C-alpha atoms as a PDB file:
ATOM      1  CA  MET A   1     -24.145  -4.353 -33.848  1.00  0.00           C
ATOM      2  CA  ALA A   2     -25.631  -4.006 -30.353  1.00  0.00           C
ATOM      3  CA  SER A   3     -25.418  -0.680 -28.614  1.00  0.00           C
ATOM      4  CA  GLU A   4     -23.329  -0.277 -25.489  1.00  0.00           C
ATOM      5  CA  GLY A   5     -26.372   0.030 -23.196  1.00  0.00           C
ATOM      6  CA  THR A   6     -27.860  -3.381 -23.983  1.00  0.00           C
ATOM      7  CA  GLY A   7     -27.773  -6.697 -22.200  1.00  0.00           C
ATOM      8  CA  VAL A   8     -27.105  -7.338 -18.534  1.00  0.00           C
ATOM      9  CA  SER A   9     -24.611  -4.475 -18.317  1.00  0.00           C
ATOM     10  CA  GLY A  10     -27.129  -1.897 -19.545  1.00  0.00           C
ATOM     11  CA  LEU A  11     -29.822  -3.359 -17.323  1.00  0.00           C
ATOM     12  CA  ALA A  12     -27.536  -3.262 -14.283  1.00  0.00           C
ATOM     13  CA  ASP A  13     -26.547   0.332 -15.062  1.00  0.00           C
ATOM     14  CA  ARG A  14     -30.177   1.455 -15.277  1.00  0.00           C
ATOM     15  CA  TYR A  15     -31.137  -0.172 -11.978  1.00  0.00           C
ATOM     16  CA  ALA A  16     -27.968   1.131 -10.299  1.00  0.00           C
ATOM     17  CA  ALA A  17     -28.680   4.646 -11.576  1.00  0.00           C
ATOM     18  CA  ALA A  18     -32.220   4.510 -10.170  1.00  0.00           C
ATOM     19  CA  LEU A  19     -30.988   3.274  -6.779  1.00  0.00           C
ATOM     20  CA  PHE A  20     -28.226   5.876  -6.777  1.00  0.00           C
ATOM     21  CA  ASP A  21     -30.694   8.695  -7.443  1.00  0.00           C
ATOM     22  CA  LEU A  22     -33.027   7.478  -4.683  1.00  0.00           C
ATOM     23  CA  ALA A  23     -30.177   7.082  -2.190  1.00  0.00           C
ATOM     24  CA  ASP A  24     -28.816  10.514  -3.109  1.00  0.00           C
ATOM     25  CA  GLU A  25     -32.244  12.085  -2.672  1.00  0.00           C
ATOM     26  CA  ARG A  26     -32.573  10.484   0.766  1.00  0.00           C
ATOM     27  CA  LYS A  27     -28.972  11.294   1.782  1.00  0.00           C
ATOM     28  CA  ALA A  28     -28.291   7.566   2.167  1.00  0.00           C
ATOM     29  CA  LEU A  29     -25.487   6.979  -0.361  1.00  0.00           C
ATOM     30  CA  ASP A  30     -22.997   5.748   2.234  1.00  0.00           C
ATOM     31  CA  GLN A  31     -25.518   3.419   3.891  1.00  0.00           C
ATOM     32  CA  VAL A  32     -26.626   1.896   0.587  1.00  0.00           C
ATOM     33  CA  ALA A  33     -23.004   1.522  -0.548  1.00  0.00           C
ATOM     34  CA  GLU A  34     -22.187  -0.323   2.681  1.00  0.00           C
ATOM     35  CA  ASP A  35     -25.270  -2.535   2.230  1.00  0.00           C
ATOM     36  CA  LEU A  36     -24.218  -3.379  -1.316  1.00  0.00           C
ATOM     37  CA  ARG A  37     -20.656  -4.196  -0.255  1.00  0.00           C
ATOM     38  CA  GLN A  38     -22.078  -6.493   2.411  1.00  0.00           C
ATOM     39  CA  LEU A  39     -24.398  -8.134  -0.130  1.00  0.00           C
ATOM     40  CA  ARG A  40     -21.468  -8.620  -2.528  1.00  0.00           C
ATOM     41  CA  ALA A  41     -19.512 -10.342   0.269  1.00  0.00           C
ATOM     42  CA  LEU A  42     -22.508 -12.582   1.017  1.00  0.00           C
ATOM     43  CA  LEU A  43     -22.778 -13.511  -2.657  1.00  0.00           C
ATOM     44  CA  ALA A  44     -19.070 -14.357  -2.751  1.00  0.00           C
ATOM     45  CA  GLU A  45     -19.353 -16.575   0.344  1.00  0.00           C
ATOM     46  CA  SER A  46     -22.574 -18.461  -0.373  1.00  0.00           C
ATOM     47  CA  ASP A  47     -23.181 -20.875  -3.226  1.00  0.00           C
ATOM     48  CA  ASP A  48     -26.841 -21.081  -2.166  1.00  0.00           C
ATOM     49  CA  LEU A  49     -27.304 -17.324  -2.430  1.00  0.00           C
ATOM     50  CA  ARG A  50     -25.648 -17.274  -5.860  1.00  0.00           C
ATOM     51  CA  ARG A  51     -28.008 -20.062  -6.962  1.00  0.00           C
ATOM     52  CA  LEU A  52     -30.971 -18.092  -5.603  1.00  0.00           C
ATOM     53  CA  VAL A  53     -30.177 -14.973  -7.631  1.00  0.00           C
ATOM     54  CA  ARG A  54     -29.502 -16.963 -10.806  1.00  0.00           C
ATOM     55  CA  SER A  55     -32.353 -19.482 -10.596  1.00  0.00           C
ATOM     56  CA  PRO A  56     -34.924 -19.316 -13.389  1.00  0.00           C
ATOM     57  CA  ILE A  57     -36.898 -22.084 -11.657  1.00  0.00           C
ATOM     58  CA  LEU A  58     -37.971 -20.119  -8.576  1.00  0.00           C
ATOM     59  CA  SER A  59     -41.052 -17.944  -8.950  1.00  0.00           C
ATOM     60  CA  ARG A  60     -40.989 -14.178  -8.476  1.00  0.00           C
ATOM     61  CA  GLY A  61     -42.665 -14.588  -5.115  1.00  0.00           C
ATOM     62  CA  GLU A  62     -40.224 -17.245  -3.929  1.00  0.00           C
ATOM     63  CA  GLN A  63     -37.212 -15.179  -4.981  1.00  0.00           C
ATOM     64  CA  ALA A  64     -38.646 -12.032  -3.380  1.00  0.00           C
ATOM     65  CA  LYS A  65     -39.385 -13.863  -0.128  1.00  0.00           C
ATOM     66  CA  ALA A  66     -35.924 -15.463  -0.008  1.00  0.00           C
ATOM     67  CA  ILE A  67     -33.989 -12.271  -0.822  1.00  0.00           C
ATOM     68  CA  ALA A  68     -36.089 -10.346   1.724  1.00  0.00           C
ATOM     69  CA  ALA A  69     -35.136 -12.890   4.395  1.00  0.00           C
ATOM     70  CA  VAL A  70     -31.464 -12.613   3.463  1.00  0.00           C
ATOM     71  CA  ALA A  71     -31.600  -8.806   3.482  1.00  0.00           C
ATOM     72  CA  GLN A  72     -33.378  -8.689   6.826  1.00  0.00           C
ATOM     73  CA  ARG A  73     -30.956 -11.162   8.399  1.00  0.00           C
ATOM     74  CA  ALA A  74     -28.002  -9.125   7.079  1.00  0.00           C
ATOM     75  CA  GLY A  75     -29.503  -5.971   8.579  1.00  0.00           C
ATOM     76  CA  LEU A  76     -29.665  -4.056   5.312  1.00  0.00           C
ATOM     77  CA  SER A  77     -31.353  -0.645   5.249  1.00  0.00           C
ATOM     78  CA  PRO A  78     -35.032  -0.380   4.265  1.00  0.00           C
ATOM     79  CA  LEU A  79     -34.126   1.347   0.987  1.00  0.00           C
ATOM     80  CA  THR A  80     -31.811  -1.520  -0.014  1.00  0.00           C
ATOM     81  CA  CYS A  81     -34.375  -4.127   1.085  1.00  0.00           C
ATOM     82  CA  ASN A  82     -37.101  -2.439  -0.964  1.00  0.00           C
ATOM     83  CA  PHE A  83     -34.775  -2.206  -3.957  1.00  0.00           C
ATOM     84  CA  LEU A  84     -33.943  -5.925  -3.761  1.00  0.00           C
ATOM     85  CA  GLY A  85     -37.652  -6.740  -3.469  1.00  0.00           C
ATOM     86  CA  LEU A  86     -38.385  -4.748  -6.615  1.00  0.00           C
ATOM     87  CA  VAL A  87     -35.506  -6.397  -8.456  1.00  0.00           C
ATOM     88  CA  ALA A  88     -36.837  -9.837  -7.434  1.00  0.00           C
ATOM     89  CA  GLN A  89     -40.396  -8.952  -8.487  1.00  0.00           C
ATOM     90  CA  ASN A  90     -39.039  -7.894 -11.889  1.00  0.00           C
ATOM     91  CA  ARG A  91     -37.059 -11.185 -12.135  1.00  0.00           C
ATOM     92  CA  ARG A  92     -33.757  -9.320 -12.360  1.00  0.00           C
ATOM     93  CA  LEU A  93     -31.882 -10.801  -9.400  1.00  0.00           C
ATOM     94  CA  PHE A  94     -29.389 -12.364 -11.833  1.00  0.00           C
ATOM     95  CA  ALA A  95     -28.103  -8.835 -12.537  1.00  0.00           C
ATOM     96  CA  VAL A  96     -27.539  -7.859  -8.868  1.00  0.00           C
ATOM     97  CA  PRO A  97     -23.725  -8.300  -8.996  1.00  0.00           C
ATOM     98  CA  GLY A  98     -23.575  -5.925 -11.972  1.00  0.00           C
ATOM     99  CA  MET A  99     -25.908  -3.496 -10.204  1.00  0.00           C
ATOM    100  CA  ILE A 100     -23.634  -3.476  -7.163  1.00  0.00           C
ATOM    101  CA  ASN A 101     -20.555  -2.773  -9.275  1.00  0.00           C
ATOM    102  CA  ALA A 102     -22.334  -0.059 -11.271  1.00  0.00           C
ATOM    103  CA  PHE A 103     -23.628   1.665  -8.115  1.00  0.00           C
ATOM    104  CA  LEU A 104     -20.208   1.644  -6.439  1.00  0.00           C
ATOM    105  CA  ALA A 105     -18.522   2.885  -9.645  1.00  0.00           C
ATOM    106  CA  ARG A 106     -21.052   5.720  -9.886  1.00  0.00           C
ATOM    107  CA  LEU A 107     -20.405   6.652  -6.238  1.00  0.00           C
ATOM    108  CA  ALA A 108     -16.634   6.600  -6.748  1.00  0.00           C
ATOM    109  CA  ALA A 109     -16.940   8.798  -9.841  1.00  0.00           C
ATOM    110  CA  ARG A 110     -19.107  11.280  -7.934  1.00  0.00           C
ATOM    111  CA  ARG A 111     -16.472  11.504  -5.212  1.00  0.00           C
ATOM    112  CA  GLY A 112     -13.534  11.672  -7.603  1.00  0.00           C
ATOM    113  CA  GLU A 113     -12.204   8.374  -6.289  1.00  0.00           C
ATOM    114  CA  VAL A 114     -10.466   5.531  -8.008  1.00  0.00           C
ATOM    115  CA  THR A 115     -11.458   2.082  -6.768  1.00  0.00           C
ATOM    116  CA  ALA A 116      -8.700  -0.382  -5.945  1.00  0.00           C
ATOM    117  CA  GLU A 117      -9.411  -4.045  -5.333  1.00  0.00           C
ATOM    118  CA  VAL A 118      -6.877  -5.486  -2.909  1.00  0.00           C
ATOM    119  CA  VAL A 119      -6.712  -9.239  -2.422  1.00  0.00           C
ATOM    120  CA  ALA A 120      -4.707 -10.308   0.628  1.00  0.00           C
ATOM    121  CA  ALA A 121      -3.733 -13.703   1.979  1.00  0.00           C
ATOM    122  CA  GLN A 122      -5.134 -12.783   5.392  1.00  0.00           C
ATOM    123  CA  GLU A 123      -7.171 -10.032   7.011  1.00  0.00           C
ATOM    124  CA  LEU A 124      -5.277  -6.719   7.006  1.00  0.00           C
ATOM    125  CA  THR A 125      -4.732  -4.868  10.276  1.00  0.00           C
ATOM    126  CA  PRO A 126      -5.849  -1.228  10.421  1.00  0.00           C
ATOM    127  CA  ALA A 127      -2.178  -0.151  10.234  1.00  0.00           C
ATOM    128  CA  GLN A 128      -1.567  -2.296   7.134  1.00  0.00           C
ATOM    129  CA  LEU A 129      -4.751  -1.021   5.494  1.00  0.00           C
ATOM    130  CA  GLY A 130      -3.673   2.551   6.216  1.00  0.00           C
ATOM    131  CA  ALA A 131      -0.247   1.911   4.669  1.00  0.00           C
ATOM    132  CA  VAL A 132      -1.834   0.384   1.545  1.00  0.00           C
ATOM    133  CA  ASN A 133      -4.205   3.368   1.304  1.00  0.00           C
ATOM    134  CA  ASP A 134      -1.328   5.860   1.600  1.00  0.00           C
ATOM    135  CA  GLN A 135       0.799   4.131  -1.032  1.00  0.00           C
ATOM    136  CA  LEU A 136      -2.097   3.857  -3.474  1.00  0.00           C
ATOM    137  CA  LYS A 137      -2.987   7.525  -2.948  1.00  0.00           C
ATOM    138  CA  LYS A 138       0.627   8.494  -3.724  1.00  0.00           C
ATOM    139  CA  ALA A 139       0.755   6.259  -6.793  1.00  0.00           C
ATOM    140  CA  MET A 140      -2.601   7.389  -8.220  1.00  0.00           C
ATOM    141  CA  GLY A 141      -2.459  11.044  -7.245  1.00  0.00           C
ATOM    142  CA  SER A 142      -6.128  10.994  -6.227  1.00  0.00           C
ATOM    143  CA  LYS A 143      -8.471   9.572  -3.618  1.00  0.00           C
ATOM    144  CA  VAL A 144      -8.555   5.792  -3.629  1.00  0.00           C
ATOM    145  CA  ALA A 145     -11.417   3.655  -2.335  1.00  0.00           C
ATOM    146  CA  VAL A 146      -9.891   0.348  -1.263  1.00  0.00           C
ATOM    147  CA  GLU A 147     -11.972  -2.813  -1.275  1.00  0.00           C
ATOM    148  CA  VAL A 148     -10.189  -5.658   0.487  1.00  0.00           C
ATOM    149  CA  ARG A 149     -10.889  -9.328  -0.093  1.00  0.00           C
ATOM    150  CA  VAL A 150      -9.150 -12.282   1.577  1.00  0.00           C
ATOM    151  CA  ASP A 151      -7.857 -15.242  -0.450  1.00  0.00           C
ATOM    152  CA  PRO A 152      -5.756 -17.653   1.653  1.00  0.00           C
ATOM    153  CA  SER A 153      -4.497 -19.391  -1.500  1.00  0.00           C
ATOM    154  CA  LEU A 154      -2.160 -16.406  -2.086  1.00  0.00           C
ATOM    155  CA  LEU A 155      -0.058 -17.705   0.859  1.00  0.00           C
ATOM    156  CA  GLY A 156       1.239 -14.173   1.544  1.00  0.00           C
ATOM    157  CA  GLY A 157       1.489 -10.735  -0.008  1.00  0.00           C
ATOM    158  CA  LEU A 158      -1.110  -8.797  -1.998  1.00  0.00           C
ATOM    159  CA  VAL A 159      -2.685  -8.501  -5.418  1.00  0.00           C
ATOM    160  CA  VAL A 160      -3.813  -4.958  -6.249  1.00  0.00           C
ATOM    161  CA  LYS A 161      -6.112  -4.156  -9.182  1.00  0.00           C
ATOM    162  CA  ILE A 162      -6.942  -0.615 -10.252  1.00  0.00           C
ATOM    163  CA  GLY A 163      -8.906  -0.440 -13.454  1.00  0.00           C
ATOM    164  CA  SER A 164      -7.019  -2.471 -16.055  1.00  0.00           C
ATOM    165  CA  ARG A 165      -3.752  -2.389 -14.085  1.00  0.00           C
ATOM    166  CA  MET A 166      -2.754  -5.181 -11.732  1.00  0.00           C
ATOM    167  CA  VAL A 167       0.234  -5.622  -9.439  1.00  0.00           C
ATOM    168  CA  ASP A 168       0.673  -9.174  -8.181  1.00  0.00           C
ATOM    169  CA  ALA A 169       3.030  -9.275  -5.204  1.00  0.00           C
ATOM    170  CA  SER A 170       1.654 -12.524  -3.795  1.00  0.00           C
ATOM    171  CA  LEU A 171       3.846 -15.312  -2.522  1.00  0.00           C
ATOM    172  CA  ARG A 172       1.935 -17.763  -4.721  1.00  0.00           C
ATOM    173  CA  SER A 173       2.982 -15.851  -7.873  1.00  0.00           C
ATOM    174  CA  LYS A 174       6.568 -15.457  -6.719  1.00  0.00           C
ATOM    175  CA  LEU A 175       6.822 -19.211  -6.094  1.00  0.00           C
ATOM    176  CA  HIS A 176       5.282 -19.890  -9.490  1.00  0.00           C
ATOM    177  CA  ARG A 177       7.812 -17.588 -11.220  1.00  0.00           C
ATOM    178  CA  LEU A 178      10.639 -19.264  -9.307  1.00  0.00           C
ATOM    179  CA  GLN A 179       9.376 -22.671 -10.365  1.00  0.00           C
ATOM    180  CA  LEU A 180       9.313 -21.558 -14.019  1.00  0.00           C
ATOM    181  CA  ALA A 181      12.808 -20.080 -13.740  1.00  0.00           C
ATOM    182  CA  MET A 182      14.164 -23.318 -12.256  1.00  0.00           C
ATOM    183  CA  LYS A 183      12.702 -25.348 -15.120  1.00  0.00           C
ATOM    184  CA  GLY A 184      14.615 -23.165 -17.579  1.00  0.00           C
ATOM    185  CA  ALA A 185      17.936 -23.537 -15.702  1.00  0.00           C
END
Protein backbone atom coordinates (compact mmCIF):
# COMPACT_ATOMS: atom_id res chain seq x y z
CA MET A 1 0.00 0.00 0.00
CA ALA A 2 1.33 3.46 -0.92
CA SER A 3 2.26 5.83 1.85
CA GLU A 4 0.31 9.02 2.38
CA GLY A 5 3.13 11.25 1.08
CA THR A 6 3.30 9.76 -2.41
CA GLY A 7 1.91 10.85 -5.74
CA VAL A 8 0.87 14.33 -6.79
CA SER A 9 -0.41 15.18 -3.31
CA GLY A 10 2.94 14.43 -1.66
CA LEU A 11 4.79 16.24 -4.42
CA ALA A 12 2.55 19.30 -4.08
CA ASP A 13 2.99 19.28 -0.29
CA ARG A 14 6.78 19.20 -0.57
CA TYR A 15 6.91 22.08 -3.05
CA ALA A 16 4.35 24.07 -1.02
CA ALA A 17 6.37 23.50 2.16
CA ALA A 18 9.54 24.76 0.45
CA LEU A 19 7.77 27.87 -0.88
CA PHE A 20 6.16 28.46 2.51
CA ASP A 21 9.52 28.31 4.28
CA LEU A 22 11.10 30.71 1.78
CA ALA A 23 8.18 33.15 1.99
CA ASP A 24 8.22 32.97 5.79
CA GLU A 25 11.96 33.62 5.86
CA ARG A 26 11.50 36.66 3.61
CA LYS A 27 8.40 37.91 5.48
CA ALA A 28 6.38 37.56 2.27
CA LEU A 29 3.69 35.03 3.27
CA ASP A 30 0.79 37.39 2.57
CA GLN A 31 2.19 38.48 -0.80
CA VAL A 32 2.83 34.92 -1.95
CA ALA A 33 -0.61 33.82 -0.73
CA GLU A 34 -2.22 36.63 -2.73
CA ASP A 35 -0.14 35.67 -5.80
CA LEU A 36 -1.25 32.06 -5.48
CA ARG A 37 -4.91 33.02 -5.11
CA GLN A 38 -4.57 35.14 -8.25
CA LEU A 39 -2.89 32.26 -10.10
CA ARG A 40 -5.66 29.89 -8.99
CA ALA A 41 -8.25 32.33 -10.38
CA LEU A 42 -6.33 32.54 -13.66
CA LEU A 43 -6.23 28.75 -13.89
CA ALA A 44 -9.98 28.58 -13.27
CA GLU A 45 -10.69 31.16 -15.99
CA SER A 46 -8.36 30.01 -18.76
CA ASP A 47 -8.54 26.71 -20.62
CA ASP A 48 -5.27 27.62 -22.37
CA LEU A 49 -3.44 28.10 -19.07
CA ARG A 50 -4.79 24.79 -17.75
CA ARG A 51 -3.56 23.10 -20.94
CA LEU A 52 -0.16 24.75 -20.51
CA VAL A 53 0.36 23.40 -16.99
CA ARG A 54 -0.84 19.91 -17.93
CA SER A 55 0.87 19.54 -21.31
CA PRO A 56 3.47 16.78 -21.57
CA ILE A 57 4.19 17.87 -25.15
CA LEU A 58 5.75 21.25 -24.36
CA SER A 59 9.43 21.25 -23.45
CA ARG A 60 10.73 22.47 -20.10
CA GLY A 61 11.97 25.63 -21.75
CA GLU A 62 8.66 26.33 -23.49
CA GLN A 63 6.68 25.78 -20.29
CA ALA A 64 9.08 27.95 -18.28
CA LYS A 65 8.93 30.75 -20.85
CA ALA A 66 5.12 30.63 -21.05
CA ILE A 67 4.54 30.52 -17.27
CA ALA A 68 7.06 33.35 -16.80
CA ALA A 69 5.11 35.48 -19.27
CA VAL A 70 1.85 34.71 -17.48
CA ALA A 71 3.37 35.49 -14.08
CA GLN A 72 4.89 38.74 -15.28
CA ARG A 73 1.66 39.85 -16.94
CA ALA A 74 -0.27 39.04 -13.74
CA GLY A 75 2.20 41.10 -11.72
CA LEU A 76 3.22 38.28 -9.40
CA SER A 77 6.05 38.86 -6.92
CA PRO A 78 9.61 37.85 -7.85
CA LEU A 79 9.57 35.01 -5.30
CA THR A 80 6.42 33.52 -6.86
CA CYS A 81 7.79 34.01 -10.39
CA ASN A 82 11.05 32.27 -9.46
CA PHE A 83 9.12 29.44 -7.81
CA LEU A 84 6.98 28.91 -10.92
CA GLY A 85 10.11 28.94 -13.09
CA LEU A 86 11.68 26.24 -10.93
CA VAL A 87 8.50 24.18 -11.01
CA ALA A 88 8.42 24.46 -14.83
CA GLN A 89 12.10 23.52 -15.13
CA ASN A 90 11.40 20.43 -13.01
CA ARG A 91 8.37 19.58 -15.21
CA ARG A 92 6.00 19.81 -12.26
CA LEU A 93 3.56 22.46 -13.48
CA PHE A 94 0.80 19.83 -13.51
CA ALA A 95 0.94 19.88 -9.69
CA VAL A 96 0.58 23.68 -9.31
CA PRO A 97 -3.12 23.56 -8.27
CA GLY A 98 -2.23 21.13 -5.48
CA MET A 99 0.74 23.29 -4.48
CA ILE A 100 -1.52 26.33 -4.21
CA ASN A 101 -4.02 24.47 -2.03
CA ALA A 102 -1.26 23.02 0.17
CA PHE A 103 0.41 26.42 0.64
CA LEU A 104 -2.86 28.14 1.56
CA ALA A 105 -3.81 25.29 3.94
CA ARG A 106 -0.40 25.56 5.62
CA LEU A 107 -0.85 29.34 6.00
CA ALA A 108 -4.35 28.92 7.45
CA ALA A 109 -3.10 26.32 9.93
CA ARG A 110 -0.27 28.63 11.01
CA ARG A 111 -2.77 31.41 11.66
CA GLY A 112 -5.32 29.18 13.37
CA GLU A 113 -7.83 29.84 10.61
CA VAL A 114 -10.40 27.63 9.00
CA THR A 115 -10.81 28.13 5.26
CA ALA A 116 -14.32 28.51 3.88
CA GLU A 117 -15.03 28.36 0.17
CA VAL A 118 -18.04 30.51 -0.67
CA VAL A 119 -19.60 30.24 -4.11
CA ALA A 120 -22.01 33.06 -4.94
CA ALA A 121 -24.23 33.73 -7.92
CA GLN A 122 -22.77 37.22 -8.27
CA GLU A 123 -19.95 39.31 -6.84
CA LEU A 124 -20.49 40.01 -3.13
CA THR A 125 -20.48 43.60 -1.89
CA PRO A 126 -18.12 44.44 0.98
CA ALA A 127 -21.12 44.57 3.35
CA GLN A 128 -22.32 41.11 2.23
CA LEU A 129 -18.81 39.68 2.53
CA GLY A 130 -18.53 41.13 6.04
CA ALA A 131 -21.87 39.57 7.02
CA VAL A 132 -20.80 36.17 5.66
CA ASN A 133 -17.49 36.47 7.54
CA ASP A 134 -19.26 37.33 10.81
CA GLN A 135 -21.74 34.46 10.54
CA LEU A 136 -19.02 31.94 9.70
CA LYS A 137 -16.88 33.17 12.60
CA LYS A 138 -19.84 32.69 14.96
CA ALA A 139 -20.62 29.24 13.58
CA MET A 140 -17.01 27.99 13.64
CA GLY A 141 -15.85 29.68 16.82
CA SER A 142 -12.52 30.57 15.22
CA LYS A 143 -11.00 32.79 12.56
CA VAL A 144 -12.30 32.02 9.09
CA ALA A 145 -10.50 32.78 5.84
CA VAL A 146 -13.19 33.21 3.19
CA GLU A 147 -12.41 32.52 -0.45
CA VAL A 148 -15.20 33.72 -2.71
CA ARG A 149 -15.87 32.40 -6.19
CA VAL A 150 -18.66 33.49 -8.56
CA ASP A 151 -20.84 30.94 -10.37
CA PRO A 152 -23.79 32.57 -12.20
CA SER A 153 -25.43 29.17 -12.70
CA LEU A 154 -26.47 29.25 -9.01
CA LEU A 155 -29.06 31.92 -9.98
CA GLY A 156 -29.00 33.33 -6.43
CA GLY A 157 -27.89 32.51 -2.91
CA LEU A 158 -24.66 30.88 -1.72
CA VAL A 159 -22.91 27.55 -1.37
CA VAL A 160 -20.52 27.42 1.59
CA LYS A 161 -17.94 24.65 2.04
CA ILE A 162 -15.82 24.29 5.16
CA GLY A 163 -13.76 21.14 5.22
CA SER A 164 -16.13 18.23 4.58
CA ARG A 165 -19.23 20.26 5.48
CA MET A 166 -21.31 22.03 2.85
CA VAL A 167 -24.36 24.26 3.11
CA ASP A 168 -26.14 24.79 -0.20
CA ALA A 169 -28.52 27.75 0.00
CA SER A 170 -28.50 28.44 -3.74
CA LEU A 171 -31.63 29.19 -5.70
CA ARG A 172 -30.64 26.50 -8.21
CA SER A 173 -30.75 23.82 -5.47
CA LYS A 174 -33.99 25.12 -4.01
CA LEU A 175 -35.64 24.98 -7.45
CA HIS A 176 -34.29 21.48 -7.97
CA ARG A 177 -35.70 20.31 -4.61
CA LEU A 178 -39.04 21.92 -5.46
CA GLN A 179 -39.06 20.17 -8.81
CA LEU A 180 -38.41 16.81 -7.12
CA ALA A 181 -41.13 17.47 -4.53
CA MET A 182 -43.65 18.31 -7.26
CA LYS A 183 -42.89 15.06 -9.09
CA GLY A 184 -43.74 13.14 -5.92
CA ALA A 185 -47.06 14.99 -5.39
